[in-house]
Amino acid sequence: MHDYRTILFDLDGTITDSAPGVMNAFHHALNAFGIEPKTHGELKKVVGPPLHFSFAGYGVPEERIGEIMEHYLSYYLPRGIYENSVFPGMEELFRCLKGAGKRLVVASSKRQDGVDTVMRYFALDQYFDFAAGSDESVGRVTKADTIRYILDTLDISDIGSAILVGDRKYDVEGALPFGLETVGILHGYGTEEELRKAGAAFVVKDAWELMDFFGV
């Protein structure tokens, strides 16, 4: 059992299985640029990291990232965002954690409006005290930017009282600069090797193992 006051959760790949919608939107955007998508396995890797990194990995120049993002959003916002589901056991976990008096926070690389939409659509906002995503208009782009914003906004000075749950190395790497411990969860899109190599302090299989981890 591990006792933390505040628990930060990544969204895509941690709370929800958003891969179908993200991959379909990414594929749609690449097609608009005449880029042949790679294999299904390669496309799955775009779920989790900030999208501008993923598009750059396909050779899209920096000056055209905004343009290809518009194509991505033209599919994702009206359709892809709903090609999504909550991982088994996660809502039960949230109910138990809230019942135990924990403060729950979303820390996502997804755009803020996308975070808000997903949380409302699945009625998960009832469990969370705060939800933060990326917002390029204020320079909040990386996972570390989002975590810094959360720590400052919620005035979390005792870093040992908080922990982040995520499924990819980007979550772990975003938390490390602040000394924030991380739990890797394997029902998402990363592997145990990836998470441990990045520096995850703990790794669990799924929501039920996470319940045991938090003692709820």
N, C-alpha and C. Protein backbone atom coordinates (compact mmCIF):
# COMPACT_ATOMS: atom_id res chain seq x y z
N MET A 1 0.85 -1.20 0.00
CA MET A 1 0.00 0.00 0.00
C MET A 1 0.88 1.24 0.00
N HIS A 2 0.54 2.20 -0.87
CA HIS A 2 1.30 3.45 -0.95
C HIS A 2 0.34 4.61 -0.73
N ASP A 3 0.70 5.52 0.14
CA ASP A 3 -0.19 6.60 0.54
C ASP A 3 0.25 7.93 -0.08
N TYR A 4 -0.56 8.44 -1.00
CA TYR A 4 -0.30 9.73 -1.63
C TYR A 4 -1.55 10.57 -1.52
N ARG A 5 -1.37 11.88 -1.35
CA ARG A 5 -2.51 12.78 -1.24
C ARG A 5 -3.08 13.12 -2.62
N THR A 6 -2.19 13.34 -3.59
CA THR A 6 -2.61 13.74 -4.94
C THR A 6 -2.11 12.72 -5.95
N ILE A 7 -3.00 12.28 -6.84
CA ILE A 7 -2.62 11.29 -7.85
C ILE A 7 -2.92 11.88 -9.23
N LEU A 8 -1.88 12.03 -10.03
CA LEU A 8 -2.00 12.53 -11.39
C LEU A 8 -2.13 11.34 -12.34
N PHE A 9 -3.04 11.44 -13.30
CA PHE A 9 -3.24 10.39 -14.30
C PHE A 9 -3.06 10.96 -15.69
N ASP A 10 -2.24 10.29 -16.48
CA ASP A 10 -2.25 10.52 -17.92
C ASP A 10 -3.64 10.12 -18.43
N LEU A 11 -4.01 10.58 -19.62
CA LEU A 11 -5.34 10.26 -20.14
C LEU A 11 -5.30 9.15 -21.19
N ASP A 12 -4.76 9.44 -22.37
CA ASP A 12 -4.72 8.45 -23.45
C ASP A 12 -3.79 7.30 -23.09
N GLY A 13 -4.33 6.10 -23.09
CA GLY A 13 -3.52 4.92 -22.80
C GLY A 13 -3.45 4.58 -21.33
N THR A 14 -3.95 5.48 -20.49
CA THR A 14 -3.95 5.25 -19.05
C THR A 14 -5.37 5.16 -18.52
N ILE A 15 -6.17 6.19 -18.79
CA ILE A 15 -7.57 6.17 -18.40
C ILE A 15 -8.43 5.60 -19.53
N THR A 16 -8.17 6.03 -20.76
CA THR A 16 -8.99 5.57 -21.89
C THR A 16 -8.13 4.93 -22.97
N ASP A 17 -8.76 4.01 -23.68
CA ASP A 17 -8.15 3.37 -24.84
C ASP A 17 -8.53 4.20 -26.06
N SER A 18 -7.74 5.21 -26.32
CA SER A 18 -8.06 6.18 -27.38
C SER A 18 -7.39 5.85 -28.70
N ALA A 19 -6.68 4.73 -28.77
CA ALA A 19 -5.88 4.40 -29.95
C ALA A 19 -6.67 4.42 -31.26
N PRO A 20 -7.87 3.83 -31.33
CA PRO A 20 -8.56 3.82 -32.63
C PRO A 20 -8.78 5.21 -33.21
N GLY A 21 -9.29 6.13 -32.40
CA GLY A 21 -9.57 7.47 -32.91
C GLY A 21 -8.32 8.26 -33.24
N VAL A 22 -7.29 8.15 -32.39
CA VAL A 22 -6.03 8.87 -32.63
C VAL A 22 -5.37 8.35 -33.90
N MET A 23 -5.32 7.03 -34.05
CA MET A 23 -4.68 6.44 -35.22
C MET A 23 -5.43 6.77 -36.50
N ASN A 24 -6.75 6.73 -36.45
CA ASN A 24 -7.54 7.06 -37.64
C ASN A 24 -7.34 8.52 -38.05
N ALA A 25 -7.31 9.41 -37.06
CA ALA A 25 -7.10 10.83 -37.35
C ALA A 25 -5.70 11.08 -37.89
N PHE A 26 -4.71 10.40 -37.31
CA PHE A 26 -3.33 10.54 -37.76
C PHE A 26 -3.20 10.05 -39.20
N HIS A 27 -3.81 8.91 -39.48
CA HIS A 27 -3.82 8.35 -40.83
C HIS A 27 -4.46 9.34 -41.81
N HIS A 28 -5.59 9.91 -41.42
CA HIS A 28 -6.30 10.90 -42.24
C HIS A 28 -5.39 12.09 -42.56
N ALA A 29 -4.66 12.57 -41.56
CA ALA A 29 -3.78 13.73 -41.76
C ALA A 29 -2.61 13.38 -42.68
N LEU A 30 -2.02 12.21 -42.50
CA LEU A 30 -0.92 11.80 -43.37
C LEU A 30 -1.37 11.68 -44.81
N ASN A 31 -2.56 11.11 -45.03
CA ASN A 31 -3.09 10.98 -46.38
C ASN A 31 -3.26 12.33 -47.05
N ALA A 32 -3.69 13.32 -46.27
CA ALA A 32 -3.87 14.67 -46.81
C ALA A 32 -2.55 15.27 -47.28
N PHE A 33 -1.44 14.80 -46.69
CA PHE A 33 -0.11 15.28 -47.07
C PHE A 33 0.58 14.34 -48.06
N GLY A 34 -0.14 13.31 -48.51
CA GLY A 34 0.45 12.38 -49.45
C GLY A 34 1.52 11.50 -48.86
N ILE A 35 1.45 11.28 -47.55
CA ILE A 35 2.44 10.45 -46.87
C ILE A 35 1.83 9.08 -46.62
N GLU A 36 2.55 8.04 -47.00
CA GLU A 36 2.07 6.68 -46.81
C GLU A 36 2.29 6.26 -45.36
N PRO A 37 1.22 5.96 -44.62
CA PRO A 37 1.39 5.53 -43.23
C PRO A 37 2.18 4.23 -43.14
N LYS A 38 2.84 4.03 -42.02
CA LYS A 38 3.59 2.81 -41.79
C LYS A 38 2.62 1.71 -41.34
N THR A 39 3.13 0.68 -40.76
CA THR A 39 2.30 -0.43 -40.33
C THR A 39 1.39 -0.02 -39.18
N HIS A 40 0.41 -0.87 -38.89
CA HIS A 40 -0.50 -0.63 -37.76
C HIS A 40 0.28 -0.50 -36.47
N GLY A 41 1.28 -1.36 -36.30
CA GLY A 41 2.11 -1.30 -35.09
C GLY A 41 2.86 0.01 -34.96
N GLU A 42 3.36 0.52 -36.07
CA GLU A 42 4.06 1.80 -36.04
C GLU A 42 3.10 2.94 -35.76
N LEU A 43 1.92 2.89 -36.36
CA LEU A 43 0.92 3.94 -36.13
C LEU A 43 0.51 3.99 -34.66
N LYS A 44 0.48 2.83 -34.01
CA LYS A 44 0.05 2.80 -32.60
C LYS A 44 1.00 3.59 -31.72
N LYS A 45 2.24 3.76 -32.16
CA LYS A 45 3.23 4.48 -31.37
C LYS A 45 2.94 5.97 -31.28
N VAL A 46 2.03 6.47 -32.14
CA VAL A 46 1.72 7.91 -32.10
C VAL A 46 0.78 8.22 -30.94
N VAL A 47 0.23 7.20 -30.30
CA VAL A 47 -0.68 7.42 -29.18
C VAL A 47 0.14 7.61 -27.91
N GLY A 48 0.08 8.81 -27.36
CA GLY A 48 0.81 9.08 -26.12
C GLY A 48 1.70 10.30 -26.20
N PRO A 49 2.71 10.30 -27.11
CA PRO A 49 3.57 11.47 -27.18
C PRO A 49 2.86 12.67 -27.81
N PRO A 50 3.35 13.88 -27.57
CA PRO A 50 2.78 15.05 -28.24
C PRO A 50 2.77 14.84 -29.76
N LEU A 51 1.68 15.17 -30.41
CA LEU A 51 1.51 14.86 -31.83
C LEU A 51 2.53 15.54 -32.73
N HIS A 52 3.00 16.73 -32.35
CA HIS A 52 3.95 17.39 -33.24
C HIS A 52 5.25 16.60 -33.34
N PHE A 53 5.61 15.86 -32.28
CA PHE A 53 6.78 14.99 -32.34
C PHE A 53 6.52 13.84 -33.32
N SER A 54 5.32 13.28 -33.26
CA SER A 54 4.99 12.15 -34.13
C SER A 54 4.95 12.56 -35.59
N PHE A 55 4.36 13.71 -35.89
CA PHE A 55 4.33 14.17 -37.27
C PHE A 55 5.74 14.48 -37.77
N ALA A 56 6.57 15.05 -36.92
CA ALA A 56 7.95 15.33 -37.31
C ALA A 56 8.68 14.03 -37.63
N GLY A 57 8.34 12.96 -36.91
CA GLY A 57 8.94 11.66 -37.17
C GLY A 57 8.58 11.10 -38.53
N TYR A 58 7.51 11.58 -39.12
CA TYR A 58 7.10 11.18 -40.46
C TYR A 58 7.64 12.16 -41.52
N GLY A 59 8.53 13.05 -41.11
CA GLY A 59 9.17 13.95 -42.05
C GLY A 59 8.43 15.25 -42.32
N VAL A 60 7.40 15.55 -41.54
CA VAL A 60 6.68 16.82 -41.74
C VAL A 60 7.53 17.95 -41.18
N PRO A 61 7.88 18.95 -42.00
CA PRO A 61 8.74 20.04 -41.51
C PRO A 61 8.03 20.89 -40.46
N GLU A 62 8.80 21.49 -39.60
CA GLU A 62 8.27 22.27 -38.48
C GLU A 62 7.26 23.32 -38.94
N GLU A 63 7.56 23.97 -40.07
CA GLU A 63 6.69 25.06 -40.52
C GLU A 63 5.33 24.56 -41.03
N ARG A 64 5.18 23.25 -41.21
CA ARG A 64 3.91 22.71 -41.70
C ARG A 64 3.18 21.87 -40.65
N ILE A 65 3.73 21.82 -39.43
CA ILE A 65 3.08 21.04 -38.37
C ILE A 65 1.67 21.57 -38.09
N GLY A 66 1.53 22.90 -38.04
CA GLY A 66 0.22 23.49 -37.79
C GLY A 66 -0.79 23.10 -38.85
N GLU A 67 -0.34 23.05 -40.10
CA GLU A 67 -1.22 22.70 -41.21
C GLU A 67 -1.69 21.25 -41.11
N ILE A 68 -0.75 20.33 -40.82
CA ILE A 68 -1.16 18.92 -40.75
C ILE A 68 -2.00 18.65 -39.50
N MET A 69 -1.76 19.44 -38.46
CA MET A 69 -2.59 19.31 -37.26
C MET A 69 -4.04 19.68 -37.55
N GLU A 70 -4.27 20.64 -38.44
CA GLU A 70 -5.62 21.01 -38.82
C GLU A 70 -6.33 19.84 -39.51
N HIS A 71 -5.59 19.11 -40.34
CA HIS A 71 -6.16 17.93 -40.99
C HIS A 71 -6.48 16.86 -39.94
N TYR A 72 -5.57 16.69 -39.00
CA TYR A 72 -5.78 15.72 -37.92
C TYR A 72 -7.06 16.06 -37.15
N LEU A 73 -7.18 17.32 -36.77
CA LEU A 73 -8.33 17.74 -35.96
C LEU A 73 -9.63 17.71 -36.73
N SER A 74 -9.55 17.85 -38.06
CA SER A 74 -10.77 17.82 -38.86
C SER A 74 -11.44 16.45 -38.80
N TYR A 75 -10.65 15.42 -38.50
CA TYR A 75 -11.22 14.08 -38.28
C TYR A 75 -11.43 13.83 -36.80
N TYR A 76 -10.45 14.21 -36.00
CA TYR A 76 -10.45 13.80 -34.59
C TYR A 76 -11.57 14.46 -33.78
N LEU A 77 -11.75 15.76 -33.94
CA LEU A 77 -12.71 16.46 -33.07
C LEU A 77 -14.16 16.05 -33.32
N PRO A 78 -14.60 15.92 -34.57
CA PRO A 78 -16.01 15.52 -34.74
C PRO A 78 -16.25 14.02 -34.61
N ARG A 79 -15.19 13.20 -34.76
CA ARG A 79 -15.41 11.76 -34.83
C ARG A 79 -14.43 10.94 -33.99
N GLY A 80 -13.14 11.16 -34.22
CA GLY A 80 -12.12 10.31 -33.61
C GLY A 80 -12.10 10.34 -32.09
N ILE A 81 -12.42 11.47 -31.51
CA ILE A 81 -12.38 11.60 -30.05
C ILE A 81 -13.37 10.66 -29.38
N TYR A 82 -14.41 10.26 -30.13
CA TYR A 82 -15.42 9.36 -29.57
C TYR A 82 -15.14 7.88 -29.89
N GLU A 83 -14.13 7.63 -30.72
CA GLU A 83 -13.70 6.25 -31.00
C GLU A 83 -12.76 5.85 -29.86
N ASN A 84 -13.32 5.64 -28.72
CA ASN A 84 -12.58 5.67 -27.46
C ASN A 84 -13.37 4.88 -26.42
N SER A 85 -12.70 4.37 -25.41
CA SER A 85 -13.40 3.66 -24.33
C SER A 85 -12.56 3.73 -23.06
N VAL A 86 -13.22 3.67 -21.91
CA VAL A 86 -12.52 3.68 -20.62
C VAL A 86 -11.99 2.28 -20.34
N PHE A 87 -10.74 2.18 -19.93
CA PHE A 87 -10.17 0.87 -19.63
C PHE A 87 -10.93 0.20 -18.48
N PRO A 88 -11.07 -1.11 -18.54
CA PRO A 88 -11.77 -1.84 -17.48
C PRO A 88 -11.18 -1.54 -16.10
N GLY A 89 -12.09 -1.30 -15.16
CA GLY A 89 -11.69 -1.11 -13.77
C GLY A 89 -11.31 0.30 -13.39
N MET A 90 -11.11 1.19 -14.37
CA MET A 90 -10.61 2.53 -14.04
C MET A 90 -11.66 3.35 -13.29
N GLU A 91 -12.92 3.29 -13.72
CA GLU A 91 -13.93 4.09 -13.03
C GLU A 91 -14.12 3.60 -11.59
N GLU A 92 -14.07 2.29 -11.39
CA GLU A 92 -14.15 1.75 -10.04
C GLU A 92 -12.97 2.23 -9.19
N LEU A 93 -11.79 2.27 -9.81
CA LEU A 93 -10.61 2.78 -9.12
C LEU A 93 -10.82 4.22 -8.67
N PHE A 94 -11.35 5.05 -9.57
CA PHE A 94 -11.57 6.46 -9.23
C PHE A 94 -12.56 6.60 -8.08
N ARG A 95 -13.63 5.82 -8.11
CA ARG A 95 -14.60 5.88 -7.01
C ARG A 95 -13.94 5.52 -5.68
N CYS A 96 -13.11 4.49 -5.70
CA CYS A 96 -12.45 4.06 -4.47
C CYS A 96 -11.46 5.11 -3.97
N LEU A 97 -10.71 5.69 -4.89
CA LEU A 97 -9.73 6.70 -4.50
C LEU A 97 -10.41 7.95 -3.94
N LYS A 98 -11.50 8.38 -4.60
CA LYS A 98 -12.23 9.54 -4.08
C LYS A 98 -12.83 9.23 -2.72
N GLY A 99 -13.32 8.01 -2.55
CA GLY A 99 -13.86 7.61 -1.26
C GLY A 99 -12.81 7.61 -0.16
N ALA A 100 -11.55 7.41 -0.57
CA ALA A 100 -10.45 7.42 0.39
C ALA A 100 -9.89 8.83 0.60
N GLY A 101 -10.52 9.82 -0.02
CA GLY A 101 -10.12 11.21 0.19
C GLY A 101 -8.96 11.69 -0.66
N LYS A 102 -8.66 10.99 -1.75
CA LYS A 102 -7.55 11.40 -2.61
C LYS A 102 -7.97 12.52 -3.57
N ARG A 103 -7.00 13.33 -3.93
CA ARG A 103 -7.22 14.38 -4.94
C ARG A 103 -6.75 13.83 -6.28
N LEU A 104 -7.66 13.76 -7.27
CA LEU A 104 -7.35 13.19 -8.57
C LEU A 104 -7.21 14.28 -9.63
N VAL A 105 -6.18 14.14 -10.45
CA VAL A 105 -5.85 15.16 -11.45
C VAL A 105 -5.49 14.49 -12.77
N VAL A 106 -5.94 15.04 -13.87
CA VAL A 106 -5.52 14.58 -15.19
C VAL A 106 -4.34 15.43 -15.65
N ALA A 107 -3.28 14.74 -16.13
CA ALA A 107 -2.11 15.41 -16.70
C ALA A 107 -1.88 14.81 -18.08
N SER A 108 -2.32 15.49 -19.12
CA SER A 108 -2.32 14.92 -20.47
C SER A 108 -1.55 15.79 -21.46
N SER A 109 -1.05 15.13 -22.52
CA SER A 109 -0.47 15.86 -23.64
C SER A 109 -1.52 16.21 -24.68
N LYS A 110 -2.73 15.68 -24.51
CA LYS A 110 -3.84 16.02 -25.41
C LYS A 110 -4.20 17.48 -25.23
N ARG A 111 -4.72 18.12 -26.30
CA ARG A 111 -5.15 19.50 -26.20
C ARG A 111 -6.19 19.68 -25.10
N GLN A 112 -6.17 20.83 -24.45
CA GLN A 112 -7.06 21.06 -23.32
C GLN A 112 -8.53 20.85 -23.69
N ASP A 113 -8.93 21.31 -24.87
CA ASP A 113 -10.34 21.14 -25.25
C ASP A 113 -10.68 19.67 -25.45
N GLY A 114 -9.71 18.89 -25.94
CA GLY A 114 -9.91 17.46 -26.09
C GLY A 114 -10.02 16.76 -24.75
N VAL A 115 -9.18 17.15 -23.81
CA VAL A 115 -9.25 16.60 -22.46
C VAL A 115 -10.62 16.86 -21.85
N ASP A 116 -11.08 18.09 -21.96
CA ASP A 116 -12.38 18.46 -21.37
C ASP A 116 -13.52 17.67 -22.01
N THR A 117 -13.44 17.49 -23.34
CA THR A 117 -14.49 16.75 -24.04
C THR A 117 -14.55 15.30 -23.59
N VAL A 118 -13.40 14.64 -23.52
CA VAL A 118 -13.35 13.22 -23.12
C VAL A 118 -13.85 13.05 -21.68
N MET A 119 -13.42 13.93 -20.80
CA MET A 119 -13.81 13.81 -19.40
C MET A 119 -15.32 13.97 -19.23
N ARG A 120 -15.91 14.91 -19.99
CA ARG A 120 -17.37 15.09 -19.92
C ARG A 120 -18.10 13.92 -20.58
N TYR A 121 -17.61 13.47 -21.72
CA TYR A 121 -18.28 12.42 -22.50
C TYR A 121 -18.43 11.13 -21.69
N PHE A 122 -17.37 10.78 -20.94
CA PHE A 122 -17.42 9.57 -20.13
C PHE A 122 -17.83 9.84 -18.68
N ALA A 123 -18.24 11.08 -18.40
CA ALA A 123 -18.67 11.48 -17.05
C ALA A 123 -17.59 11.19 -16.01
N LEU A 124 -16.33 11.33 -16.40
CA LEU A 124 -15.22 11.11 -15.48
C LEU A 124 -14.88 12.37 -14.69
N ASP A 125 -15.39 13.51 -15.15
CA ASP A 125 -15.08 14.77 -14.46
C ASP A 125 -15.64 14.79 -13.04
N GLN A 126 -16.60 13.91 -12.75
CA GLN A 126 -17.17 13.85 -11.40
C GLN A 126 -16.15 13.37 -10.37
N TYR A 127 -15.12 12.67 -10.82
CA TYR A 127 -14.13 12.11 -9.90
C TYR A 127 -12.89 12.99 -9.75
N PHE A 128 -12.71 13.92 -10.68
CA PHE A 128 -11.45 14.66 -10.76
C PHE A 128 -11.57 16.09 -10.25
N ASP A 129 -10.55 16.51 -9.52
CA ASP A 129 -10.50 17.86 -8.99
C ASP A 129 -9.96 18.86 -10.00
N PHE A 130 -9.17 18.35 -10.96
CA PHE A 130 -8.53 19.24 -11.92
C PHE A 130 -8.12 18.41 -13.13
N ALA A 131 -8.19 18.99 -14.32
CA ALA A 131 -7.78 18.29 -15.53
C ALA A 131 -7.02 19.26 -16.42
N ALA A 132 -5.77 18.92 -16.74
CA ALA A 132 -4.92 19.81 -17.55
C ALA A 132 -4.41 19.08 -18.78
N GLY A 133 -4.46 19.79 -19.91
CA GLY A 133 -3.90 19.29 -21.15
C GLY A 133 -2.95 20.32 -21.73
N SER A 134 -2.55 20.12 -22.96
CA SER A 134 -1.63 21.06 -23.60
C SER A 134 -2.39 22.29 -24.09
N ASP A 135 -1.68 23.39 -24.18
CA ASP A 135 -2.26 24.63 -24.69
C ASP A 135 -1.11 25.46 -25.27
N GLU A 136 -0.90 25.31 -26.58
CA GLU A 136 0.23 25.98 -27.22
C GLU A 136 0.14 27.50 -27.11
N SER A 137 -1.06 28.03 -26.96
CA SER A 137 -1.22 29.49 -26.90
C SER A 137 -0.54 30.09 -25.68
N VAL A 138 -0.31 29.26 -24.65
CA VAL A 138 0.37 29.74 -23.45
C VAL A 138 1.68 29.00 -23.23
N GLY A 139 2.16 28.30 -24.28
CA GLY A 139 3.45 27.63 -24.19
C GLY A 139 3.44 26.31 -23.44
N ARG A 140 2.26 25.72 -23.27
CA ARG A 140 2.15 24.43 -22.58
C ARG A 140 2.07 23.35 -23.65
N VAL A 141 3.21 22.74 -23.95
CA VAL A 141 3.31 21.81 -25.08
C VAL A 141 3.65 20.40 -24.64
N THR A 142 4.68 20.25 -23.82
CA THR A 142 5.15 18.93 -23.42
C THR A 142 4.45 18.45 -22.15
N LYS A 143 4.66 17.17 -21.84
CA LYS A 143 4.10 16.62 -20.59
C LYS A 143 4.71 17.35 -19.39
N ALA A 144 5.99 17.68 -19.46
CA ALA A 144 6.61 18.42 -18.36
C ALA A 144 5.97 19.79 -18.18
N ASP A 145 5.61 20.44 -19.28
CA ASP A 145 4.92 21.74 -19.19
C ASP A 145 3.59 21.59 -18.44
N THR A 146 2.86 20.54 -18.78
CA THR A 146 1.56 20.31 -18.15
C THR A 146 1.72 20.00 -16.67
N ILE A 147 2.71 19.19 -16.33
CA ILE A 147 2.94 18.85 -14.92
C ILE A 147 3.35 20.08 -14.13
N ARG A 148 4.20 20.91 -14.71
CA ARG A 148 4.60 22.15 -14.02
C ARG A 148 3.37 23.03 -13.76
N TYR A 149 2.51 23.13 -14.75
CA TYR A 149 1.29 23.92 -14.62
C TYR A 149 0.42 23.39 -13.47
N ILE A 150 0.29 22.07 -13.38
CA ILE A 150 -0.50 21.45 -12.32
C ILE A 150 0.11 21.72 -10.95
N LEU A 151 1.41 21.50 -10.83
CA LEU A 151 2.08 21.70 -9.54
C LEU A 151 1.95 23.14 -9.08
N ASP A 152 2.07 24.08 -10.02
CA ASP A 152 1.96 25.50 -9.66
C ASP A 152 0.52 25.87 -9.32
N THR A 153 -0.43 25.43 -10.15
CA THR A 153 -1.83 25.80 -9.96
C THR A 153 -2.39 25.24 -8.66
N LEU A 154 -2.03 24.00 -8.36
CA LEU A 154 -2.55 23.34 -7.16
C LEU A 154 -1.64 23.55 -5.95
N ASP A 155 -0.56 24.29 -6.17
CA ASP A 155 0.38 24.61 -5.08
C ASP A 155 0.87 23.34 -4.37
N ILE A 156 1.35 22.39 -5.18
CA ILE A 156 1.87 21.14 -4.63
C ILE A 156 3.36 21.34 -4.35
N SER A 157 3.68 21.69 -3.13
CA SER A 157 5.08 21.93 -2.76
C SER A 157 5.72 20.67 -2.18
N ASP A 158 4.92 19.82 -1.56
CA ASP A 158 5.42 18.55 -1.03
C ASP A 158 5.32 17.50 -2.12
N ILE A 159 6.38 17.40 -2.95
CA ILE A 159 6.32 16.54 -4.12
C ILE A 159 6.17 15.08 -3.74
N GLY A 160 6.60 14.70 -2.55
CA GLY A 160 6.47 13.33 -2.11
C GLY A 160 5.05 12.91 -1.82
N SER A 161 4.14 13.89 -1.75
CA SER A 161 2.73 13.58 -1.49
C SER A 161 1.95 13.29 -2.76
N ALA A 162 2.65 13.35 -3.91
CA ALA A 162 1.98 13.18 -5.21
C ALA A 162 2.70 12.11 -6.03
N ILE A 163 1.96 11.53 -6.97
CA ILE A 163 2.52 10.53 -7.88
C ILE A 163 1.76 10.60 -9.19
N LEU A 164 2.41 10.20 -10.29
CA LEU A 164 1.78 10.21 -11.60
C LEU A 164 1.66 8.79 -12.13
N VAL A 165 0.50 8.47 -12.69
CA VAL A 165 0.25 7.18 -13.34
C VAL A 165 0.22 7.40 -14.84
N GLY A 166 1.03 6.65 -15.58
CA GLY A 166 1.07 6.79 -17.03
C GLY A 166 1.45 5.49 -17.70
N ASP A 167 1.33 5.47 -19.03
CA ASP A 167 1.59 4.22 -19.77
C ASP A 167 2.78 4.30 -20.71
N ARG A 168 3.37 5.49 -20.88
CA ARG A 168 4.48 5.63 -21.82
C ARG A 168 5.67 6.30 -21.15
N LYS A 169 6.81 6.19 -21.80
CA LYS A 169 8.03 6.81 -21.27
C LYS A 169 7.89 8.33 -21.19
N TYR A 170 7.06 8.91 -22.05
CA TYR A 170 6.88 10.36 -22.05
C TYR A 170 6.28 10.85 -20.73
N ASP A 171 5.44 10.02 -20.13
CA ASP A 171 4.87 10.37 -18.83
C ASP A 171 5.96 10.37 -17.76
N VAL A 172 6.79 9.34 -17.78
CA VAL A 172 7.87 9.22 -16.80
C VAL A 172 8.87 10.35 -16.98
N GLU A 173 9.27 10.59 -18.22
CA GLU A 173 10.26 11.63 -18.50
C GLU A 173 9.73 13.01 -18.15
N GLY A 174 8.42 13.22 -18.30
CA GLY A 174 7.83 14.51 -17.94
C GLY A 174 7.81 14.75 -16.45
N ALA A 175 7.73 13.67 -15.67
CA ALA A 175 7.66 13.79 -14.21
C ALA A 175 9.02 13.91 -13.55
N LEU A 176 10.04 13.31 -14.17
CA LEU A 176 11.36 13.24 -13.54
C LEU A 176 11.97 14.59 -13.16
N PRO A 177 11.85 15.64 -14.00
CA PRO A 177 12.48 16.91 -13.63
C PRO A 177 11.97 17.51 -12.32
N PHE A 178 10.80 17.07 -11.89
CA PHE A 178 10.19 17.62 -10.67
C PHE A 178 10.37 16.69 -9.46
N GLY A 179 11.05 15.56 -9.69
CA GLY A 179 11.20 14.58 -8.61
C GLY A 179 9.92 13.86 -8.30
N LEU A 180 8.99 13.85 -9.26
CA LEU A 180 7.69 13.23 -9.07
C LEU A 180 7.78 11.74 -9.40
N GLU A 181 7.42 10.87 -8.46
CA GLU A 181 7.44 9.44 -8.72
C GLU A 181 6.35 9.05 -9.72
N THR A 182 6.59 7.94 -10.43
CA THR A 182 5.63 7.50 -11.44
C THR A 182 5.32 6.01 -11.28
N VAL A 183 4.08 5.67 -11.63
CA VAL A 183 3.64 4.28 -11.74
C VAL A 183 3.33 4.03 -13.20
N GLY A 184 3.97 3.06 -13.80
CA GLY A 184 3.64 2.68 -15.16
C GLY A 184 2.52 1.66 -15.15
N ILE A 185 1.55 1.82 -16.06
CA ILE A 185 0.44 0.86 -16.16
C ILE A 185 0.48 0.21 -17.54
N LEU A 186 0.35 -1.10 -17.58
CA LEU A 186 0.64 -1.86 -18.79
C LEU A 186 -0.57 -2.15 -19.67
N HIS A 187 -1.77 -1.66 -19.30
CA HIS A 187 -2.92 -1.90 -20.18
C HIS A 187 -2.95 -0.90 -21.33
N GLY A 188 -2.01 0.04 -21.36
CA GLY A 188 -1.96 1.05 -22.40
C GLY A 188 -1.04 0.68 -23.55
N TYR A 189 -0.17 1.62 -23.96
CA TYR A 189 0.56 1.47 -25.21
C TYR A 189 2.07 1.32 -25.04
N GLY A 190 2.54 1.32 -23.80
CA GLY A 190 3.96 1.13 -23.56
C GLY A 190 4.25 -0.27 -23.03
N THR A 191 5.51 -0.59 -22.89
CA THR A 191 5.92 -1.89 -22.36
C THR A 191 6.58 -1.69 -21.00
N GLU A 192 6.70 -2.78 -20.26
CA GLU A 192 7.37 -2.69 -18.97
C GLU A 192 8.83 -2.27 -19.15
N GLU A 193 9.46 -2.79 -20.19
CA GLU A 193 10.85 -2.42 -20.46
C GLU A 193 10.98 -0.92 -20.72
N GLU A 194 10.09 -0.38 -21.54
CA GLU A 194 10.11 1.05 -21.84
C GLU A 194 9.95 1.88 -20.58
N LEU A 195 8.97 1.51 -19.76
CA LEU A 195 8.65 2.29 -18.56
C LEU A 195 9.78 2.24 -17.53
N ARG A 196 10.31 1.04 -17.31
CA ARG A 196 11.39 0.91 -16.31
C ARG A 196 12.67 1.59 -16.79
N LYS A 197 12.96 1.47 -18.08
CA LYS A 197 14.14 2.13 -18.63
C LYS A 197 14.04 3.64 -18.50
N ALA A 198 12.83 4.18 -18.64
CA ALA A 198 12.63 5.62 -18.52
C ALA A 198 12.75 6.10 -17.07
N GLY A 199 12.57 5.16 -16.11
CA GLY A 199 12.72 5.53 -14.70
C GLY A 199 11.48 5.41 -13.86
N ALA A 200 10.46 4.67 -14.35
CA ALA A 200 9.25 4.47 -13.54
C ALA A 200 9.63 3.79 -12.22
N ALA A 201 9.12 4.33 -11.12
CA ALA A 201 9.43 3.75 -9.81
C ALA A 201 8.70 2.44 -9.60
N PHE A 202 7.50 2.32 -10.19
CA PHE A 202 6.66 1.13 -10.03
C PHE A 202 5.99 0.81 -11.36
N VAL A 203 5.61 -0.45 -11.54
CA VAL A 203 4.86 -0.85 -12.74
C VAL A 203 3.75 -1.80 -12.30
N VAL A 204 2.53 -1.55 -12.79
CA VAL A 204 1.39 -2.42 -12.49
C VAL A 204 0.78 -2.88 -13.81
N LYS A 205 0.01 -3.96 -13.73
CA LYS A 205 -0.58 -4.54 -14.93
C LYS A 205 -1.82 -3.79 -15.39
N ASP A 206 -2.71 -3.46 -14.44
CA ASP A 206 -4.01 -2.91 -14.81
C ASP A 206 -4.63 -2.16 -13.64
N ALA A 207 -5.90 -1.78 -13.79
CA ALA A 207 -6.57 -0.99 -12.75
C ALA A 207 -6.66 -1.73 -11.43
N TRP A 208 -6.85 -3.04 -11.50
CA TRP A 208 -7.01 -3.80 -10.26
C TRP A 208 -5.70 -3.88 -9.48
N GLU A 209 -4.59 -4.01 -10.19
CA GLU A 209 -3.29 -3.97 -9.51
C GLU A 209 -3.03 -2.57 -8.96
N LEU A 210 -3.55 -1.55 -9.64
CA LEU A 210 -3.40 -0.18 -9.16
C LEU A 210 -4.21 0.02 -7.88
N MET A 211 -5.37 -0.61 -7.78
CA MET A 211 -6.15 -0.56 -6.55
C MET A 211 -5.35 -1.14 -5.38
N ASP A 212 -4.71 -2.27 -5.63
CA ASP A 212 -3.88 -2.89 -4.60
C ASP A 212 -2.71 -1.97 -4.23
N PHE A 213 -2.12 -1.36 -5.25
CA PHE A 213 -0.99 -0.46 -5.03
C PHE A 213 -1.36 0.68 -4.10
N PHE A 214 -2.53 1.27 -4.33
CA PHE A 214 -2.97 2.39 -3.50
C PHE A 214 -3.73 1.94 -2.25
N GLY A 215 -3.98 0.65 -2.15
CA GLY A 215 -4.64 0.13 -0.93
C GLY A 215 -6.09 0.52 -0.82
N VAL A 216 -6.82 0.54 -1.95
CA VAL A 216 -8.24 0.89 -1.92
C VAL A 216 -9.09 -0.26 -2.45
